Amino acid sequence: MMLTGARAGRSLCLVLLLLSGCRSSDTSMGMTPPGDMASGGAGSMPPMEMPGGSSNRSAAAEPELRAGGVSTEIQFLPLVGAPPETAGAMAQALSRAAVSQGITIRPSGGPSAPLRLKGYLSALDEGGRTAVVFVWDVLDQNDRRIDRIQGKELAAGSGGGDPWTAVGPAVLDAIATRTLSETTRIAAAQG
């Protein structure tokens, strides 16, 4: 069922309202995804591995120190809600943004990074355009949520029956840049 106009706006507001009220450290939000995501069962999304290998930096490289002497090393957990091809394109956008912002992305299967991001994406029609709503739970090494990054980017066109078809690289790059800028701010606040 496609949502249009006012219904899409109300639905988007409801989704954001529900997600903003989450204060639990349970990042599953009380939902069990189809298949066991950790074991790669049927219906699971693979962990977001960066293109060209499992990290955007050499494992031997020392973490780069950002302003104030804070190292920004992060790790992405499986992305929920996007089709596999969009999840792969999102991983590429995050990798590009990480390189440009001096952020190290650790492999998802490796030791825990100081900050771990678990993402949720949703695409819906919003008045003839496609809105991509993104939410990233920012977790510490013990998987406790310490912050949340959320927002919306608009793509031109509605994508017909599948809003994901309207989501191109420019939208994913904008989401990646905003996500990693906020992550840097959160890392600096964590000290």
N, C-alpha and C. Protein backbone atom coordinates (compact mmCIF):
# COMPACT_ATOMS: atom_id res chain seq x y z
N MET A 1 0.84 -1.17 0.00
CA MET A 1 0.00 0.00 0.00
C MET A 1 0.89 1.23 0.00
N MET A 2 0.68 2.13 -0.92
CA MET A 2 1.45 3.37 -1.00
C MET A 2 0.75 4.45 -0.17
N LEU A 3 1.51 5.20 0.58
CA LEU A 3 0.98 6.32 1.33
C LEU A 3 1.26 7.59 0.56
N THR A 4 0.28 8.47 0.50
CA THR A 4 0.49 9.71 -0.24
C THR A 4 0.04 10.89 0.61
N GLY A 5 0.58 12.06 0.28
CA GLY A 5 0.13 13.32 0.86
C GLY A 5 0.11 13.33 2.37
N ALA A 6 -1.02 13.73 2.91
CA ALA A 6 -1.18 13.91 4.35
C ALA A 6 -0.99 12.60 5.11
N ARG A 7 -1.45 11.47 4.51
CA ARG A 7 -1.28 10.18 5.19
C ARG A 7 0.19 9.85 5.35
N ALA A 8 1.01 10.13 4.34
CA ALA A 8 2.44 9.87 4.43
C ALA A 8 3.07 10.73 5.50
N GLY A 9 2.68 11.99 5.56
CA GLY A 9 3.21 12.90 6.57
C GLY A 9 2.86 12.43 7.97
N ARG A 10 1.61 12.01 8.15
CA ARG A 10 1.18 11.51 9.48
C ARG A 10 1.93 10.22 9.82
N SER A 11 2.11 9.35 8.84
CA SER A 11 2.83 8.09 9.08
C SER A 11 4.28 8.36 9.46
N LEU A 12 4.92 9.29 8.74
CA LEU A 12 6.30 9.64 9.04
C LEU A 12 6.41 10.21 10.45
N CYS A 13 5.50 11.11 10.80
CA CYS A 13 5.52 11.69 12.15
C CYS A 13 5.34 10.61 13.20
N LEU A 14 4.44 9.66 12.95
CA LEU A 14 4.20 8.58 13.90
C LEU A 14 5.45 7.73 14.08
N VAL A 15 6.12 7.38 12.97
CA VAL A 15 7.34 6.58 13.04
C VAL A 15 8.40 7.31 13.86
N LEU A 16 8.61 8.59 13.56
CA LEU A 16 9.63 9.36 14.28
C LEU A 16 9.26 9.52 15.75
N LEU A 17 7.98 9.74 16.03
CA LEU A 17 7.54 9.87 17.41
C LEU A 17 7.77 8.58 18.19
N LEU A 18 7.41 7.45 17.59
CA LEU A 18 7.62 6.17 18.25
C LEU A 18 9.10 5.90 18.50
N LEU A 19 9.93 6.18 17.49
CA LEU A 19 11.35 5.92 17.64
C LEU A 19 12.01 6.88 18.61
N SER A 20 11.58 8.13 18.65
CA SER A 20 12.21 9.09 19.55
C SER A 20 11.89 8.79 21.00
N GLY A 21 10.82 8.06 21.25
CA GLY A 21 10.46 7.73 22.62
C GLY A 21 11.21 6.54 23.19
N CYS A 22 11.96 5.85 22.35
CA CYS A 22 12.69 4.68 22.80
C CYS A 22 13.83 5.10 23.72
N ARG A 23 13.87 4.58 24.90
CA ARG A 23 14.94 4.89 25.84
C ARG A 23 15.60 3.61 26.37
N SER A 24 15.15 2.49 25.91
CA SER A 24 15.68 1.22 26.37
C SER A 24 17.05 0.96 25.77
N SER A 25 17.86 0.19 26.48
CA SER A 25 19.14 -0.22 25.91
C SER A 25 18.97 -1.44 25.00
N ASP A 26 17.75 -1.96 24.92
CA ASP A 26 17.46 -3.07 24.02
C ASP A 26 17.32 -2.51 22.61
N THR A 27 18.35 -2.71 21.78
CA THR A 27 18.34 -2.12 20.44
C THR A 27 17.46 -2.89 19.47
N SER A 28 16.91 -4.03 19.88
CA SER A 28 16.00 -4.75 18.98
C SER A 28 14.63 -4.09 18.96
N MET A 29 14.39 -3.15 19.87
CA MET A 29 13.12 -2.45 19.99
C MET A 29 11.97 -3.43 20.18
N GLY A 30 12.26 -4.56 20.82
CA GLY A 30 11.24 -5.54 21.10
C GLY A 30 10.83 -6.37 19.91
N MET A 31 11.52 -6.24 18.79
CA MET A 31 11.15 -6.98 17.58
C MET A 31 12.18 -8.05 17.31
N THR A 32 11.73 -9.17 16.81
CA THR A 32 12.62 -10.21 16.37
C THR A 32 12.62 -10.22 14.86
N PRO A 33 13.77 -9.93 14.24
CA PRO A 33 13.80 -9.89 12.78
C PRO A 33 13.59 -11.28 12.20
N PRO A 34 13.10 -11.35 10.94
CA PRO A 34 12.94 -12.66 10.32
C PRO A 34 14.29 -13.33 10.19
N GLY A 35 14.39 -14.55 10.62
CA GLY A 35 15.68 -15.24 10.60
C GLY A 35 16.57 -14.70 11.69
N ASP A 36 17.59 -15.40 12.01
CA ASP A 36 18.52 -14.95 13.03
C ASP A 36 19.62 -14.15 12.36
N MET A 37 19.62 -12.84 12.54
CA MET A 37 20.58 -11.97 11.85
C MET A 37 22.01 -12.31 12.24
N ALA A 38 22.22 -12.70 13.46
CA ALA A 38 23.58 -12.98 13.89
C ALA A 38 24.15 -14.23 13.22
N SER A 39 23.29 -15.20 12.96
CA SER A 39 23.79 -16.43 12.36
C SER A 39 23.60 -16.48 10.86
N GLY A 40 22.99 -15.42 10.30
CA GLY A 40 22.81 -15.38 8.84
C GLY A 40 21.70 -16.29 8.37
N GLY A 41 20.68 -16.50 9.21
CA GLY A 41 19.58 -17.37 8.84
C GLY A 41 18.75 -16.76 7.72
N ALA A 42 17.74 -17.49 7.30
CA ALA A 42 16.89 -17.05 6.20
C ALA A 42 16.28 -15.70 6.51
N GLY A 43 16.30 -14.81 5.54
CA GLY A 43 15.69 -13.50 5.69
C GLY A 43 16.57 -12.49 6.39
N SER A 44 17.79 -12.85 6.70
CA SER A 44 18.64 -11.92 7.44
C SER A 44 19.37 -10.98 6.50
N MET A 45 19.71 -9.81 7.02
CA MET A 45 20.54 -8.86 6.28
C MET A 45 21.98 -9.12 6.69
N PRO A 46 22.90 -9.15 5.76
CA PRO A 46 24.29 -9.35 6.14
C PRO A 46 24.83 -8.13 6.87
N PRO A 47 25.85 -8.31 7.72
CA PRO A 47 26.46 -7.15 8.33
C PRO A 47 26.98 -6.21 7.25
N MET A 48 27.00 -4.92 7.55
CA MET A 48 27.47 -3.94 6.57
C MET A 48 28.99 -3.96 6.51
N GLU A 49 29.52 -4.61 5.52
CA GLU A 49 30.97 -4.61 5.31
C GLU A 49 31.28 -3.52 4.30
N MET A 50 32.38 -2.86 4.50
CA MET A 50 32.76 -1.79 3.61
C MET A 50 33.34 -2.36 2.32
N PRO A 51 33.13 -1.68 1.18
CA PRO A 51 33.64 -2.17 -0.10
C PRO A 51 35.16 -2.26 -0.09
N GLY A 52 35.66 -3.22 -0.86
CA GLY A 52 37.11 -3.36 -0.99
C GLY A 52 37.75 -3.97 0.23
N GLY A 53 37.00 -4.68 1.03
CA GLY A 53 37.55 -5.27 2.25
C GLY A 53 36.61 -4.98 3.40
N SER A 54 37.06 -5.30 4.60
CA SER A 54 36.17 -5.18 5.73
C SER A 54 36.32 -3.87 6.47
N SER A 55 37.23 -3.02 6.07
CA SER A 55 37.42 -1.76 6.78
C SER A 55 37.87 -0.69 5.80
N ASN A 56 37.64 0.56 6.15
CA ASN A 56 38.09 1.63 5.28
C ASN A 56 39.51 2.05 5.60
N ARG A 57 40.14 1.41 6.56
CA ARG A 57 41.52 1.67 6.93
C ARG A 57 42.23 0.35 7.15
N SER A 58 43.54 0.37 7.05
CA SER A 58 44.33 -0.80 7.33
C SER A 58 44.20 -1.15 8.81
N ALA A 59 44.12 -2.44 9.09
CA ALA A 59 44.00 -2.86 10.49
C ALA A 59 45.23 -2.46 11.28
N ALA A 60 46.38 -2.31 10.60
CA ALA A 60 47.60 -1.95 11.30
C ALA A 60 47.70 -0.45 11.54
N ALA A 61 46.86 0.34 10.87
CA ALA A 61 46.94 1.79 11.01
C ALA A 61 46.47 2.21 12.40
N GLU A 62 47.16 3.19 12.94
CA GLU A 62 46.74 3.75 14.22
C GLU A 62 45.51 4.61 13.99
N PRO A 63 44.57 4.65 14.94
CA PRO A 63 43.41 5.50 14.76
C PRO A 63 43.85 6.97 14.68
N GLU A 64 43.24 7.66 13.73
CA GLU A 64 43.57 9.07 13.56
C GLU A 64 42.97 9.87 14.70
N LEU A 65 43.75 10.80 15.25
CA LEU A 65 43.24 11.65 16.31
C LEU A 65 42.58 12.86 15.68
N ARG A 66 41.38 13.14 16.10
CA ARG A 66 40.63 14.27 15.61
C ARG A 66 40.87 15.45 16.55
N ALA A 67 40.26 16.57 16.25
CA ALA A 67 40.41 17.76 17.09
C ALA A 67 40.13 17.40 18.54
N GLY A 68 40.97 17.89 19.43
CA GLY A 68 40.81 17.59 20.85
C GLY A 68 41.39 16.25 21.23
N GLY A 69 42.12 15.57 20.33
CA GLY A 69 42.77 14.31 20.66
C GLY A 69 41.83 13.13 20.73
N VAL A 70 40.63 13.23 20.16
CA VAL A 70 39.65 12.15 20.22
C VAL A 70 39.76 11.29 18.97
N SER A 71 39.91 10.00 19.16
CA SER A 71 39.95 9.05 18.05
C SER A 71 38.51 8.68 17.71
N THR A 72 38.17 8.65 16.43
CA THR A 72 36.83 8.24 16.03
C THR A 72 36.93 6.92 15.29
N GLU A 73 36.66 5.86 16.02
CA GLU A 73 36.58 4.52 15.46
C GLU A 73 35.16 4.04 15.68
N ILE A 74 34.55 3.56 14.60
CA ILE A 74 33.17 3.10 14.70
C ILE A 74 33.02 1.75 14.03
N GLN A 75 31.88 1.17 14.27
CA GLN A 75 31.55 -0.13 13.71
C GLN A 75 30.07 -0.11 13.38
N PHE A 76 29.71 -0.66 12.24
CA PHE A 76 28.31 -0.72 11.85
C PHE A 76 27.78 -2.12 12.06
N LEU A 77 26.62 -2.20 12.68
CA LEU A 77 25.90 -3.45 12.85
C LEU A 77 24.94 -3.59 11.67
N PRO A 78 24.27 -4.73 11.53
CA PRO A 78 23.39 -4.91 10.37
C PRO A 78 22.37 -3.78 10.22
N LEU A 79 22.15 -3.38 8.99
CA LEU A 79 21.19 -2.34 8.64
C LEU A 79 19.83 -2.99 8.42
N VAL A 80 18.79 -2.42 9.01
CA VAL A 80 17.45 -2.99 8.94
C VAL A 80 16.57 -2.09 8.08
N GLY A 81 15.73 -2.70 7.26
CA GLY A 81 14.70 -1.98 6.54
C GLY A 81 14.96 -1.72 5.07
N ALA A 82 16.21 -1.66 4.67
CA ALA A 82 16.54 -1.38 3.27
C ALA A 82 16.74 -2.68 2.51
N PRO A 83 16.40 -2.70 1.21
CA PRO A 83 16.70 -3.88 0.42
C PRO A 83 18.22 -4.08 0.32
N PRO A 84 18.68 -5.30 0.08
CA PRO A 84 20.13 -5.57 0.06
C PRO A 84 20.94 -4.65 -0.85
N GLU A 85 20.42 -4.33 -2.04
CA GLU A 85 21.20 -3.46 -2.93
C GLU A 85 21.33 -2.05 -2.36
N THR A 86 20.31 -1.56 -1.67
CA THR A 86 20.39 -0.24 -1.04
C THR A 86 21.32 -0.30 0.17
N ALA A 87 21.27 -1.39 0.92
CA ALA A 87 22.18 -1.54 2.07
C ALA A 87 23.63 -1.53 1.59
N GLY A 88 23.91 -2.19 0.47
CA GLY A 88 25.27 -2.19 -0.08
C GLY A 88 25.69 -0.81 -0.53
N ALA A 89 24.78 -0.09 -1.18
CA ALA A 89 25.08 1.28 -1.62
C ALA A 89 25.26 2.20 -0.42
N MET A 90 24.51 1.97 0.66
CA MET A 90 24.68 2.75 1.88
C MET A 90 26.05 2.49 2.49
N ALA A 91 26.50 1.24 2.48
CA ALA A 91 27.83 0.90 3.00
C ALA A 91 28.91 1.63 2.21
N GLN A 92 28.76 1.71 0.89
CA GLN A 92 29.73 2.42 0.07
C GLN A 92 29.72 3.92 0.39
N ALA A 93 28.54 4.50 0.57
CA ALA A 93 28.43 5.92 0.90
C ALA A 93 29.08 6.20 2.26
N LEU A 94 28.85 5.32 3.23
CA LEU A 94 29.46 5.49 4.55
C LEU A 94 30.98 5.38 4.47
N SER A 95 31.47 4.47 3.65
CA SER A 95 32.91 4.30 3.49
C SER A 95 33.53 5.56 2.90
N ARG A 96 32.91 6.13 1.87
CA ARG A 96 33.42 7.37 1.26
C ARG A 96 33.41 8.51 2.28
N ALA A 97 32.32 8.65 3.00
CA ALA A 97 32.20 9.73 3.99
C ALA A 97 33.21 9.55 5.12
N ALA A 98 33.45 8.30 5.52
CA ALA A 98 34.42 8.05 6.60
C ALA A 98 35.82 8.46 6.19
N VAL A 99 36.20 8.13 4.96
CA VAL A 99 37.52 8.51 4.47
C VAL A 99 37.65 10.03 4.47
N SER A 100 36.63 10.73 3.96
CA SER A 100 36.71 12.19 3.87
C SER A 100 36.69 12.87 5.24
N GLN A 101 36.11 12.19 6.25
CA GLN A 101 36.03 12.78 7.59
C GLN A 101 37.08 12.22 8.55
N GLY A 102 37.96 11.34 8.06
CA GLY A 102 39.02 10.80 8.91
C GLY A 102 38.53 9.85 9.98
N ILE A 103 37.49 9.11 9.69
CA ILE A 103 36.91 8.16 10.63
C ILE A 103 37.33 6.75 10.23
N THR A 104 37.68 5.95 11.21
CA THR A 104 38.04 4.55 10.97
C THR A 104 36.81 3.68 11.20
N ILE A 105 36.49 2.84 10.22
CA ILE A 105 35.39 1.89 10.36
C ILE A 105 35.99 0.51 10.58
N ARG A 106 35.70 -0.05 11.74
CA ARG A 106 36.17 -1.41 12.04
C ARG A 106 35.24 -2.43 11.40
N PRO A 107 35.78 -3.60 11.07
CA PRO A 107 34.93 -4.68 10.53
C PRO A 107 33.87 -5.09 11.54
N SER A 108 32.68 -5.39 11.04
CA SER A 108 31.58 -5.73 11.95
C SER A 108 31.84 -7.03 12.71
N GLY A 109 32.62 -7.93 12.15
CA GLY A 109 32.90 -9.20 12.82
C GLY A 109 34.09 -9.15 13.76
N GLY A 110 34.78 -8.01 13.81
CA GLY A 110 35.97 -7.89 14.65
C GLY A 110 35.64 -7.43 16.05
N PRO A 111 36.70 -7.07 16.80
CA PRO A 111 36.49 -6.56 18.16
C PRO A 111 35.62 -5.30 18.13
N SER A 112 34.88 -5.08 19.18
CA SER A 112 33.97 -3.95 19.25
C SER A 112 34.72 -2.63 19.22
N ALA A 113 34.19 -1.70 18.44
CA ALA A 113 34.71 -0.34 18.40
C ALA A 113 34.11 0.43 19.57
N PRO A 114 34.72 1.57 19.92
CA PRO A 114 34.16 2.38 21.01
C PRO A 114 32.72 2.81 20.74
N LEU A 115 32.38 3.05 19.48
CA LEU A 115 31.01 3.38 19.10
C LEU A 115 30.56 2.42 18.02
N ARG A 116 29.33 1.90 18.19
CA ARG A 116 28.75 0.98 17.22
C ARG A 116 27.41 1.57 16.80
N LEU A 117 27.13 1.52 15.50
CA LEU A 117 25.89 2.09 14.99
C LEU A 117 25.01 1.01 14.40
N LYS A 118 23.78 0.99 14.87
CA LYS A 118 22.78 0.06 14.33
C LYS A 118 21.75 0.91 13.61
N GLY A 119 21.59 0.67 12.30
CA GLY A 119 20.76 1.55 11.49
C GLY A 119 19.45 0.96 11.04
N TYR A 120 18.50 1.87 10.86
CA TYR A 120 17.17 1.54 10.37
C TYR A 120 16.85 2.53 9.27
N LEU A 121 16.47 2.06 8.09
CA LEU A 121 16.08 2.93 6.99
C LEU A 121 14.67 2.57 6.54
N SER A 122 13.93 3.59 6.13
CA SER A 122 12.61 3.39 5.59
C SER A 122 12.40 4.39 4.47
N ALA A 123 11.77 3.96 3.38
CA ALA A 123 11.46 4.85 2.26
C ALA A 123 9.96 4.87 2.05
N LEU A 124 9.42 6.08 1.86
CA LEU A 124 7.99 6.21 1.62
C LEU A 124 7.71 7.41 0.74
N ASP A 125 6.58 7.35 0.05
CA ASP A 125 6.17 8.44 -0.82
C ASP A 125 5.68 9.60 0.04
N GLU A 126 6.16 10.79 -0.30
CA GLU A 126 5.75 11.99 0.43
C GLU A 126 5.45 13.09 -0.57
N GLY A 127 4.20 13.17 -1.00
CA GLY A 127 3.79 14.22 -1.93
C GLY A 127 4.52 14.20 -3.26
N GLY A 128 4.66 13.04 -3.87
CA GLY A 128 5.31 12.94 -5.16
C GLY A 128 6.82 12.81 -5.10
N ARG A 129 7.38 12.82 -3.91
CA ARG A 129 8.81 12.62 -3.72
C ARG A 129 8.98 11.44 -2.77
N THR A 130 10.18 10.91 -2.73
CA THR A 130 10.46 9.80 -1.82
C THR A 130 11.24 10.33 -0.62
N ALA A 131 10.72 10.03 0.55
CA ALA A 131 11.41 10.40 1.80
C ALA A 131 12.12 9.16 2.32
N VAL A 132 13.39 9.31 2.65
CA VAL A 132 14.14 8.24 3.29
C VAL A 132 14.36 8.67 4.74
N VAL A 133 13.74 7.94 5.64
CA VAL A 133 13.88 8.20 7.07
C VAL A 133 14.98 7.29 7.58
N PHE A 134 15.93 7.89 8.31
CA PHE A 134 17.01 7.08 8.86
C PHE A 134 17.12 7.29 10.36
N VAL A 135 17.44 6.21 11.04
CA VAL A 135 17.65 6.23 12.48
C VAL A 135 18.87 5.36 12.74
N TRP A 136 19.83 5.90 13.47
CA TRP A 136 21.01 5.13 13.89
C TRP A 136 21.06 5.15 15.40
N ASP A 137 20.96 4.00 16.02
CA ASP A 137 21.21 3.90 17.46
C ASP A 137 22.71 3.84 17.63
N VAL A 138 23.25 4.74 18.45
CA VAL A 138 24.68 4.77 18.73
C VAL A 138 24.89 4.02 20.03
N LEU A 139 25.64 2.93 19.95
CA LEU A 139 25.83 2.03 21.08
C LEU A 139 27.27 2.12 21.57
N ASP A 140 27.46 1.84 22.86
CA ASP A 140 28.83 1.73 23.37
C ASP A 140 29.32 0.30 23.14
N GLN A 141 30.51 -0.01 23.64
CA GLN A 141 31.08 -1.34 23.42
C GLN A 141 30.29 -2.45 24.09
N ASN A 142 29.44 -2.09 25.06
CA ASN A 142 28.59 -3.07 25.74
C ASN A 142 27.18 -3.11 25.16
N ASP A 143 27.01 -2.52 23.99
CA ASP A 143 25.73 -2.47 23.28
C ASP A 143 24.63 -1.72 24.03
N ARG A 144 25.02 -0.76 24.86
CA ARG A 144 24.05 0.13 25.51
C ARG A 144 23.90 1.37 24.62
N ARG A 145 22.67 1.76 24.37
CA ARG A 145 22.46 2.94 23.54
C ARG A 145 22.84 4.18 24.32
N ILE A 146 23.71 4.99 23.71
CA ILE A 146 24.14 6.23 24.34
C ILE A 146 23.60 7.46 23.61
N ASP A 147 23.13 7.27 22.41
CA ASP A 147 22.59 8.39 21.64
C ASP A 147 21.81 7.84 20.45
N ARG A 148 21.17 8.74 19.74
CA ARG A 148 20.43 8.37 18.54
C ARG A 148 20.60 9.47 17.52
N ILE A 149 20.85 9.06 16.29
CA ILE A 149 20.94 9.98 15.15
C ILE A 149 19.74 9.68 14.28
N GLN A 150 18.99 10.70 13.91
CA GLN A 150 17.83 10.45 13.06
C GLN A 150 17.59 11.64 12.15
N GLY A 151 16.94 11.37 11.04
CA GLY A 151 16.66 12.43 10.10
C GLY A 151 15.90 11.91 8.90
N LYS A 152 15.81 12.78 7.90
CA LYS A 152 15.08 12.45 6.69
C LYS A 152 15.77 13.16 5.53
N GLU A 153 15.88 12.46 4.42
CA GLU A 153 16.38 13.03 3.17
C GLU A 153 15.32 12.78 2.10
N LEU A 154 15.16 13.75 1.22
CA LEU A 154 14.18 13.62 0.14
C LEU A 154 14.87 13.33 -1.18
N ALA A 155 14.29 12.41 -1.93
CA ALA A 155 14.77 12.08 -3.28
C ALA A 155 13.74 12.60 -4.27
N ALA A 156 14.22 12.97 -5.45
CA ALA A 156 13.30 13.40 -6.51
C ALA A 156 12.51 12.19 -6.99
N GLY A 157 11.25 12.37 -7.23
CA GLY A 157 10.43 11.28 -7.75
C GLY A 157 9.93 10.37 -6.66
N SER A 158 8.93 9.59 -7.02
CA SER A 158 8.31 8.71 -6.03
C SER A 158 8.70 7.25 -6.21
N GLY A 159 9.36 6.90 -7.29
CA GLY A 159 9.76 5.52 -7.50
C GLY A 159 8.64 4.60 -7.92
N GLY A 160 7.48 5.14 -8.27
CA GLY A 160 6.36 4.29 -8.69
C GLY A 160 5.87 3.43 -7.54
N GLY A 161 5.79 2.14 -7.76
CA GLY A 161 5.29 1.23 -6.74
C GLY A 161 6.32 0.88 -5.67
N ASP A 162 7.59 1.17 -5.94
CA ASP A 162 8.65 0.86 -4.98
C ASP A 162 9.46 2.12 -4.70
N PRO A 163 9.26 2.76 -3.55
CA PRO A 163 9.96 4.02 -3.28
C PRO A 163 11.48 3.87 -3.28
N TRP A 164 12.00 2.68 -3.02
CA TRP A 164 13.46 2.49 -2.99
C TRP A 164 14.09 2.75 -4.35
N THR A 165 13.34 2.59 -5.43
CA THR A 165 13.93 2.81 -6.76
C THR A 165 14.28 4.28 -7.01
N ALA A 166 13.69 5.19 -6.24
CA ALA A 166 14.00 6.62 -6.39
C ALA A 166 15.19 7.05 -5.55
N VAL A 167 15.69 6.15 -4.71
CA VAL A 167 16.78 6.50 -3.79
C VAL A 167 18.11 6.26 -4.49
N GLY A 168 18.77 7.35 -4.83
CA GLY A 168 20.04 7.27 -5.54
C GLY A 168 21.24 7.58 -4.67
N PRO A 169 22.43 7.57 -5.25
CA PRO A 169 23.67 7.81 -4.50
C PRO A 169 23.70 9.16 -3.78
N ALA A 170 23.14 10.21 -4.36
CA ALA A 170 23.19 11.52 -3.71
C ALA A 170 22.46 11.51 -2.37
N VAL A 171 21.32 10.84 -2.31
CA VAL A 171 20.56 10.74 -1.05
C VAL A 171 21.35 9.94 -0.02
N LEU A 172 21.92 8.82 -0.43
CA LEU A 172 22.68 7.98 0.50
C LEU A 172 23.95 8.70 0.96
N ASP A 173 24.59 9.46 0.06
CA ASP A 173 25.77 10.23 0.46
C ASP A 173 25.41 11.29 1.49
N ALA A 174 24.26 11.94 1.31
CA ALA A 174 23.82 12.95 2.28
C ALA A 174 23.55 12.31 3.64
N ILE A 175 22.91 11.14 3.65
CA ILE A 175 22.65 10.43 4.90
C ILE A 175 23.97 10.05 5.56
N ALA A 176 24.90 9.53 4.78
CA ALA A 176 26.20 9.10 5.32
C ALA A 176 26.96 10.28 5.93
N THR A 177 26.99 11.40 5.22
CA THR A 177 27.71 12.58 5.71
C THR A 177 27.11 13.08 7.01
N ARG A 178 25.78 13.19 7.06
CA ARG A 178 25.11 13.64 8.30
C ARG A 178 25.35 12.65 9.43
N THR A 179 25.26 11.36 9.12
CA THR A 179 25.44 10.33 10.15
C THR A 179 26.84 10.40 10.75
N LEU A 180 27.85 10.50 9.91
CA LEU A 180 29.21 10.49 10.42
C LEU A 180 29.60 11.81 11.08
N SER A 181 29.04 12.92 10.64
CA SER A 181 29.27 14.19 11.32
C SER A 181 28.71 14.14 12.74
N GLU A 182 27.51 13.61 12.87
CA GLU A 182 26.90 13.47 14.21
C GLU A 182 27.68 12.47 15.06
N THR A 183 28.15 11.39 14.44
CA THR A 183 28.93 10.40 15.17
C THR A 183 30.21 11.02 15.73
N THR A 184 30.86 11.87 14.94
CA THR A 184 32.07 12.56 15.40
C THR A 184 31.74 13.44 16.60
N ARG A 185 30.62 14.14 16.54
CA ARG A 185 30.21 14.98 17.67
C ARG A 185 29.98 14.13 18.92
N ILE A 186 29.33 13.00 18.74
CA ILE A 186 29.03 12.11 19.88
C ILE A 186 30.34 11.56 20.45
N ALA A 187 31.27 11.16 19.58
CA ALA A 187 32.56 10.63 20.04
C ALA A 187 33.30 11.68 20.85
N ALA A 188 33.29 12.93 20.38
CA ALA A 188 33.97 14.01 21.10
C ALA A 188 33.34 14.24 22.47
N ALA A 189 32.01 14.14 22.54
CA ALA A 189 31.31 14.33 23.81
C ALA A 189 31.62 13.18 24.78
N GLN A 190 31.86 11.98 24.24
CA GLN A 190 32.17 10.83 25.08
C GLN A 190 33.57 10.94 25.65
N GLY A 191 34.45 11.70 24.92
CA GLY A 191 35.81 11.95 25.37
C GLY A 191 36.66 10.75 25.24
